Amino acid sequence: MKKLVNTEKILTFMKENKLTKSEFAKKCHINLWNLQAVLSERTNYNIVYLFKIAKVMQIPVSQMFN
């Protein structure tokens, strides 16, 4: 199955801003488990998490998708 979410964009943002997964999740107001779900391409997470991540990254949520 093709990856739907561009996880590389998220990981690159975290690396450029020197954020751990835990720190990034806190900035996004989500828990670490939810961030892990997004990064591992699980499909059982709420779409709201993508909006919260996009807000912190200051990008439109549409840029989160491949």
PDB file of N, CA and C in Angstrom:
ATOM      1  N   MET A   1       0.844  -1.184   0.000  1.00  0.00           N
ATOM      2  CA  MET A   1       0.000   0.000   0.000  1.00  0.00           C
ATOM      3  C   MET A   1       0.887   1.244   0.000  1.00  0.00           C
ATOM      4  N   LYS A   2       0.507   2.225  -0.772  1.00  0.00           N
ATOM      5  CA  LYS A   2       1.276   3.459  -0.867  1.00  0.00           C
ATOM      6  C   LYS A   2       1.138   4.283   0.416  1.00  0.00           C
ATOM      7  N   LYS A   3       2.245   4.902   0.813  1.00  0.00           N
ATOM      8  CA  LYS A   3       2.214   5.769   1.986  1.00  0.00           C
ATOM      9  C   LYS A   3       1.361   6.990   1.686  1.00  0.00           C
ATOM     10  N   LEU A   4       0.434   7.294   2.573  1.00  0.00           N
ATOM     11  CA  LEU A   4      -0.442   8.441   2.368  1.00  0.00           C
ATOM     12  C   LEU A   4       0.153   9.726   2.932  1.00  0.00           C
ATOM     13  N   VAL A   5       0.779   9.621   4.109  1.00  0.00           N
ATOM     14  CA  VAL A   5       1.326  10.793   4.786  1.00  0.00           C
ATOM     15  C   VAL A   5       2.824  10.884   4.496  1.00  0.00           C
ATOM     16  N   ASN A   6       3.267  12.083   4.196  1.00  0.00           N
ATOM     17  CA  ASN A   6       4.686  12.311   3.927  1.00  0.00           C
ATOM     18  C   ASN A   6       5.434  12.405   5.258  1.00  0.00           C
ATOM     19  N   THR A   7       5.805  11.259   5.792  1.00  0.00           N
ATOM     20  CA  THR A   7       6.474  11.214   7.090  1.00  0.00           C
ATOM     21  C   THR A   7       7.868  11.821   7.021  1.00  0.00           C
ATOM     22  N   GLU A   8       8.493  11.768   5.866  1.00  0.00           N
ATOM     23  CA  GLU A   8       9.831  12.355   5.711  1.00  0.00           C
ATOM     24  C   GLU A   8       9.803  13.855   5.970  1.00  0.00           C
ATOM     25  N   LYS A   9       8.731  14.501   5.577  1.00  0.00           N
ATOM     26  CA  LYS A   9       8.596  15.945   5.806  1.00  0.00           C
ATOM     27  C   LYS A   9       8.548  16.238   7.304  1.00  0.00           C
ATOM     28  N   ILE A  10       7.846  15.405   8.042  1.00  0.00           N
ATOM     29  CA  ILE A  10       7.745  15.578   9.493  1.00  0.00           C
ATOM     30  C   ILE A  10       9.105  15.332  10.136  1.00  0.00           C
ATOM     31  N   LEU A  11       9.759  14.245   9.760  1.00  0.00           N
ATOM     32  CA  LEU A  11      11.054  13.909  10.341  1.00  0.00           C
ATOM     33  C   LEU A  11      12.111  14.962  10.003  1.00  0.00           C
ATOM     34  N   THR A  12      12.063  15.494   8.795  1.00  0.00           N
ATOM     35  CA  THR A  12      12.993  16.551   8.398  1.00  0.00           C
ATOM     36  C   THR A  12      12.770  17.801   9.232  1.00  0.00           C
ATOM     37  N   PHE A  13      11.508  18.167   9.444  1.00  0.00           N
ATOM     38  CA  PHE A  13      11.190  19.329  10.274  1.00  0.00           C
ATOM     39  C   PHE A  13      11.751  19.139  11.688  1.00  0.00           C
ATOM     40  N   MET A  14      11.558  17.947  12.242  1.00  0.00           N
ATOM     41  CA  MET A  14      12.043  17.671  13.587  1.00  0.00           C
ATOM     42  C   MET A  14      13.568  17.772  13.638  1.00  0.00           C
ATOM     43  N   LYS A  15      14.230  17.240  12.628  1.00  0.00           N
ATOM     44  CA  LYS A  15      15.687  17.276  12.598  1.00  0.00           C
ATOM     45  C   LYS A  15      16.203  18.708  12.459  1.00  0.00           C
ATOM     46  N   GLU A  16      15.610  19.485  11.555  1.00  0.00           N
ATOM     47  CA  GLU A  16      16.043  20.862  11.332  1.00  0.00           C
ATOM     48  C   GLU A  16      15.844  21.732  12.565  1.00  0.00           C
ATOM     49  N   ASN A  17      14.824  21.412  13.358  1.00  0.00           N
ATOM     50  CA  ASN A  17      14.528  22.189  14.554  1.00  0.00           C
ATOM     51  C   ASN A  17      15.055  21.541  15.833  1.00  0.00           C
ATOM     52  N   LYS A  18      15.858  20.495  15.644  1.00  0.00           N
ATOM     53  CA  LYS A  18      16.499  19.783  16.757  1.00  0.00           C
ATOM     54  C   LYS A  18      15.492  19.385  17.839  1.00  0.00           C
ATOM     55  N   LEU A  19      14.394  18.761  17.396  1.00  0.00           N
ATOM     56  CA  LEU A  19      13.346  18.320  18.310  1.00  0.00           C
ATOM     57  C   LEU A  19      13.322  16.796  18.381  1.00  0.00           C
ATOM     58  N   THR A  20      13.198  16.276  19.582  1.00  0.00           N
ATOM     59  CA  THR A  20      12.981  14.842  19.723  1.00  0.00           C
ATOM     60  C   THR A  20      11.511  14.564  19.398  1.00  0.00           C
ATOM     61  N   LYS A  21      11.186  13.308  19.228  1.00  0.00           N
ATOM     62  CA  LYS A  21       9.785  12.954  18.978  1.00  0.00           C
ATOM     63  C   LYS A  21       8.906  13.409  20.131  1.00  0.00           C
ATOM     64  N   SER A  22       9.411  13.236  21.328  1.00  0.00           N
ATOM     65  CA  SER A  22       8.651  13.617  22.509  1.00  0.00           C
ATOM     66  C   SER A  22       8.426  15.131  22.559  1.00  0.00           C
ATOM     67  N   GLU A  23       9.463  15.911  22.272  1.00  0.00           N
ATOM     68  CA  GLU A  23       9.349  17.370  22.274  1.00  0.00           C
ATOM     69  C   GLU A  23       8.387  17.849  21.178  1.00  0.00           C
ATOM     70  N   PHE A  24       8.494  17.225  20.014  1.00  0.00           N
ATOM     71  CA  PHE A  24       7.630  17.608  18.902  1.00  0.00           C
ATOM     72  C   PHE A  24       6.172  17.285  19.213  1.00  0.00           C
ATOM     73  N   ALA A  25       5.926  16.123  19.775  1.00  0.00           N
ATOM     74  CA  ALA A  25       4.558  15.746  20.144  1.00  0.00           C
ATOM     75  C   ALA A  25       3.978  16.743  21.140  1.00  0.00           C
ATOM     76  N   LYS A  26       4.790  17.153  22.092  1.00  0.00           N
ATOM     77  CA  LYS A  26       4.332  18.119  23.094  1.00  0.00           C
ATOM     78  C   LYS A  26       3.975  19.455  22.434  1.00  0.00           C
ATOM     79  N   LYS A  27       4.810  19.916  21.488  1.00  0.00           N
ATOM     80  CA  LYS A  27       4.526  21.167  20.779  1.00  0.00           C
ATOM     81  C   LYS A  27       3.207  21.067  19.996  1.00  0.00           C
ATOM     82  N   CYS A  28       2.917  19.873  19.500  1.00  0.00           N
ATOM     83  CA  CYS A  28       1.704  19.646  18.706  1.00  0.00           C
ATOM     84  C   CYS A  28       0.467  19.401  19.571  1.00  0.00           C
ATOM     85  N   HIS A  29       0.670  19.294  20.875  1.00  0.00           N
ATOM     86  CA  HIS A  29      -0.418  18.990  21.811  1.00  0.00           C
ATOM     87  C   HIS A  29      -1.060  17.639  21.512  1.00  0.00           C
ATOM     88  N   ILE A  30      -0.192  16.678  21.188  1.00  0.00           N
ATOM     89  CA  ILE A  30      -0.626  15.289  21.030  1.00  0.00           C
ATOM     90  C   ILE A  30       0.317  14.443  21.870  1.00  0.00           C
ATOM     91  N   ASN A  31      -0.079  13.214  22.161  1.00  0.00           N
ATOM     92  CA  ASN A  31       0.843  12.386  22.935  1.00  0.00           C
ATOM     93  C   ASN A  31       1.787  11.640  21.991  1.00  0.00           C
ATOM     94  N   LEU A  32       2.850  11.125  22.546  1.00  0.00           N
ATOM     95  CA  LEU A  32       3.883  10.462  21.753  1.00  0.00           C
ATOM     96  C   LEU A  32       3.325   9.275  20.978  1.00  0.00           C
ATOM     97  N   TRP A  33       2.392   8.548  21.598  1.00  0.00           N
ATOM     98  CA  TRP A  33       1.796   7.394  20.913  1.00  0.00           C
ATOM     99  C   TRP A  33       1.111   7.829  19.623  1.00  0.00           C
ATOM    100  N   ASN A  34       0.422   8.978  19.646  1.00  0.00           N
ATOM    101  CA  ASN A  34      -0.260   9.463  18.451  1.00  0.00           C
ATOM    102  C   ASN A  34       0.739   9.860  17.358  1.00  0.00           C
ATOM    103  N   LEU A  35       1.825  10.494  17.750  1.00  0.00           N
ATOM    104  CA  LEU A  35       2.862  10.845  16.773  1.00  0.00           C
ATOM    105  C   LEU A  35       3.459   9.584  16.175  1.00  0.00           C
ATOM    106  N   GLN A  36       3.723   8.588  17.008  1.00  0.00           N
ATOM    107  CA  GLN A  36       4.258   7.322  16.511  1.00  0.00           C
ATOM    108  C   GLN A  36       3.300   6.671  15.521  1.00  0.00           C
ATOM    109  N   ALA A  37       1.999   6.770  15.790  1.00  0.00           N
ATOM    110  CA  ALA A  37       1.006   6.196  14.888  1.00  0.00           C
ATOM    111  C   ALA A  37       1.076   6.863  13.515  1.00  0.00           C
ATOM    112  N   VAL A  38       1.221   8.181  13.495  1.00  0.00           N
ATOM    113  CA  VAL A  38       1.319   8.917  12.225  1.00  0.00           C
ATOM    114  C   VAL A  38       2.608   8.527  11.500  1.00  0.00           C
ATOM    115  N   LEU A  39       3.710   8.500  12.211  1.00  0.00           N
ATOM    116  CA  LEU A  39       5.006   8.214  11.590  1.00  0.00           C
ATOM    117  C   LEU A  39       5.132   6.774  11.114  1.00  0.00           C
ATOM    118  N   SER A  40       4.424   5.856  11.743  1.00  0.00           N
ATOM    119  CA  SER A  40       4.522   4.449  11.348  1.00  0.00           C
ATOM    120  C   SER A  40       3.469   4.066  10.322  1.00  0.00           C
ATOM    121  N   GLU A  41       2.702   5.048   9.860  1.00  0.00           N
ATOM    122  CA  GLU A  41       1.680   4.823   8.837  1.00  0.00           C
ATOM    123  C   GLU A  41       0.539   3.926   9.298  1.00  0.00           C
ATOM    124  N   ARG A  42       0.331   3.848  10.601  1.00  0.00           N
ATOM    125  CA  ARG A  42      -0.877   3.165  11.065  1.00  0.00           C
ATOM    126  C   ARG A  42      -2.065   3.992  10.599  1.00  0.00           C
ATOM    127  N   THR A  43      -3.184   3.362  10.449  1.00  0.00           N
ATOM    128  CA  THR A  43      -4.358   4.090   9.960  1.00  0.00           C
ATOM    129  C   THR A  43      -5.406   4.296  11.038  1.00  0.00           C
ATOM    130  N   ASN A  44      -5.097   3.905  12.252  1.00  0.00           N
ATOM    131  CA  ASN A  44      -6.099   4.010  13.314  1.00  0.00           C
ATOM    132  C   ASN A  44      -5.853   5.222  14.210  1.00  0.00           C
ATOM    133  N   TYR A  45      -5.602   6.370  13.601  1.00  0.00           N
ATOM    134  CA  TYR A  45      -5.453   7.595  14.386  1.00  0.00           C
ATOM    135  C   TYR A  45      -6.402   8.655  13.841  1.00  0.00           C
ATOM    136  N   ASN A  46      -6.665   9.628  14.636  1.00  0.00           N
ATOM    137  CA  ASN A  46      -7.594  10.688  14.286  1.00  0.00           C
ATOM    138  C   ASN A  46      -6.926  11.686  13.342  1.00  0.00           C
ATOM    139  N   ILE A  47      -7.600  12.094  12.307  1.00  0.00           N
ATOM    140  CA  ILE A  47      -7.070  13.043  11.325  1.00  0.00           C
ATOM    141  C   ILE A  47      -6.706  14.384  11.975  1.00  0.00           C
ATOM    142  N   VAL A  48      -7.293  14.674  13.109  1.00  0.00           N
ATOM    143  CA  VAL A  48      -6.999  15.916  13.835  1.00  0.00           C
ATOM    144  C   VAL A  48      -5.510  16.006  14.146  1.00  0.00           C
ATOM    145  N   TYR A  49      -4.858  14.872  14.376  1.00  0.00           N
ATOM    146  CA  TYR A  49      -3.426  14.891  14.676  1.00  0.00           C
ATOM    147  C   TYR A  49      -2.635  15.479  13.513  1.00  0.00           C
ATOM    148  N   LEU A  50      -3.047  15.188  12.292  1.00  0.00           N
ATOM    149  CA  LEU A  50      -2.351  15.759  11.128  1.00  0.00           C
ATOM    150  C   LEU A  50      -2.519  17.271  11.076  1.00  0.00           C
ATOM    151  N   PHE A  51      -3.689  17.757  11.427  1.00  0.00           N
ATOM    152  CA  PHE A  51      -3.916  19.202  11.455  1.00  0.00           C
ATOM    153  C   PHE A  51      -3.045  19.862  12.522  1.00  0.00           C
ATOM    154  N   LYS A  52      -2.916  19.223  13.672  1.00  0.00           N
ATOM    155  CA  LYS A  52      -2.093  19.777  14.747  1.00  0.00           C
ATOM    156  C   LYS A  52      -0.614  19.794  14.358  1.00  0.00           C
ATOM    157  N   ILE A  53      -0.157  18.733  13.701  1.00  0.00           N
ATOM    158  CA  ILE A  53       1.228  18.664  13.245  1.00  0.00           C
ATOM    159  C   ILE A  53       1.487  19.732  12.184  1.00  0.00           C
ATOM    160  N   ALA A  54       0.579  19.856  11.218  1.00  0.00           N
ATOM    161  CA  ALA A  54       0.725  20.848  10.151  1.00  0.00           C
ATOM    162  C   ALA A  54       0.758  22.267  10.717  1.00  0.00           C
ATOM    163  N   LYS A  55      -0.035  22.518  11.745  1.00  0.00           N
ATOM    164  CA  LYS A  55      -0.068  23.850  12.360  1.00  0.00           C
ATOM    165  C   LYS A  55       1.290  24.202  12.955  1.00  0.00           C
ATOM    166  N   VAL A  56       1.896  23.261  13.663  1.00  0.00           N
ATOM    167  CA  VAL A  56       3.211  23.502  14.254  1.00  0.00           C
ATOM    168  C   VAL A  56       4.260  23.691  13.155  1.00  0.00           C
ATOM    169  N   MET A  57       4.136  22.933  12.078  1.00  0.00           N
ATOM    170  CA  MET A  57       5.090  23.035  10.978  1.00  0.00           C
ATOM    171  C   MET A  57       4.821  24.263  10.099  1.00  0.00           C
ATOM    172  N   GLN A  58       3.698  24.919  10.333  1.00  0.00           N
ATOM    173  CA  GLN A  58       3.270  26.105   9.580  1.00  0.00           C
ATOM    174  C   GLN A  58       3.152  25.817   8.079  1.00  0.00           C
ATOM    175  N   ILE A  59       2.454  24.721   7.790  1.00  0.00           N
ATOM    176  CA  ILE A  59       2.182  24.335   6.405  1.00  0.00           C
ATOM    177  C   ILE A  59       0.703  23.962   6.310  1.00  0.00           C
ATOM    178  N   PRO A  60       0.122  24.052   5.116  1.00  0.00           N
ATOM    179  CA  PRO A  60      -1.251  23.571   4.949  1.00  0.00           C
ATOM    180  C   PRO A  60      -1.285  22.048   5.119  1.00  0.00           C
ATOM    181  N   VAL A  61      -2.342  21.549   5.678  1.00  0.00           N
ATOM    182  CA  VAL A  61      -2.447  20.111   5.908  1.00  0.00           C
ATOM    183  C   VAL A  61      -2.359  19.338   4.592  1.00  0.00           C
ATOM    184  N   SER A  62      -2.725  19.948   3.501  1.00  0.00           N
ATOM    185  CA  SER A  62      -2.647  19.260   2.201  1.00  0.00           C
ATOM    186  C   SER A  62      -1.216  18.889   1.832  1.00  0.00           C
ATOM    187  N   GLN A  63      -0.238  19.609   2.364  1.00  0.00           N
ATOM    188  CA  GLN A  63       1.159  19.299   2.095  1.00  0.00           C
ATOM    189  C   GLN A  63       1.663  18.103   2.894  1.00  0.00           C
ATOM    190  N   MET A  64       0.831  17.602   3.777  1.00  0.00           N
ATOM    191  CA  MET A  64       1.207  16.436   4.587  1.00  0.00           C
ATOM    192  C   MET A  64       1.043  15.131   3.805  1.00  0.00           C
ATOM    193  N   PHE A  65       0.344  15.191   2.683  1.00  0.00           N
ATOM    194  CA  PHE A  65       0.039  13.981   1.929  1.00  0.00           C
ATOM    195  C   PHE A  65       0.949  13.851   0.712  1.00  0.00           C
ATOM    196  N   ASN A  66       1.223  12.600   0.361  1.00  0.00           N
ATOM    197  CA  ASN A  66       2.047  12.312  -0.837  1.00  0.00           C
ATOM    198  C   ASN A  66       1.214  12.468  -2.086  1.00  0.00           C
TER     199      ASN A  66
END
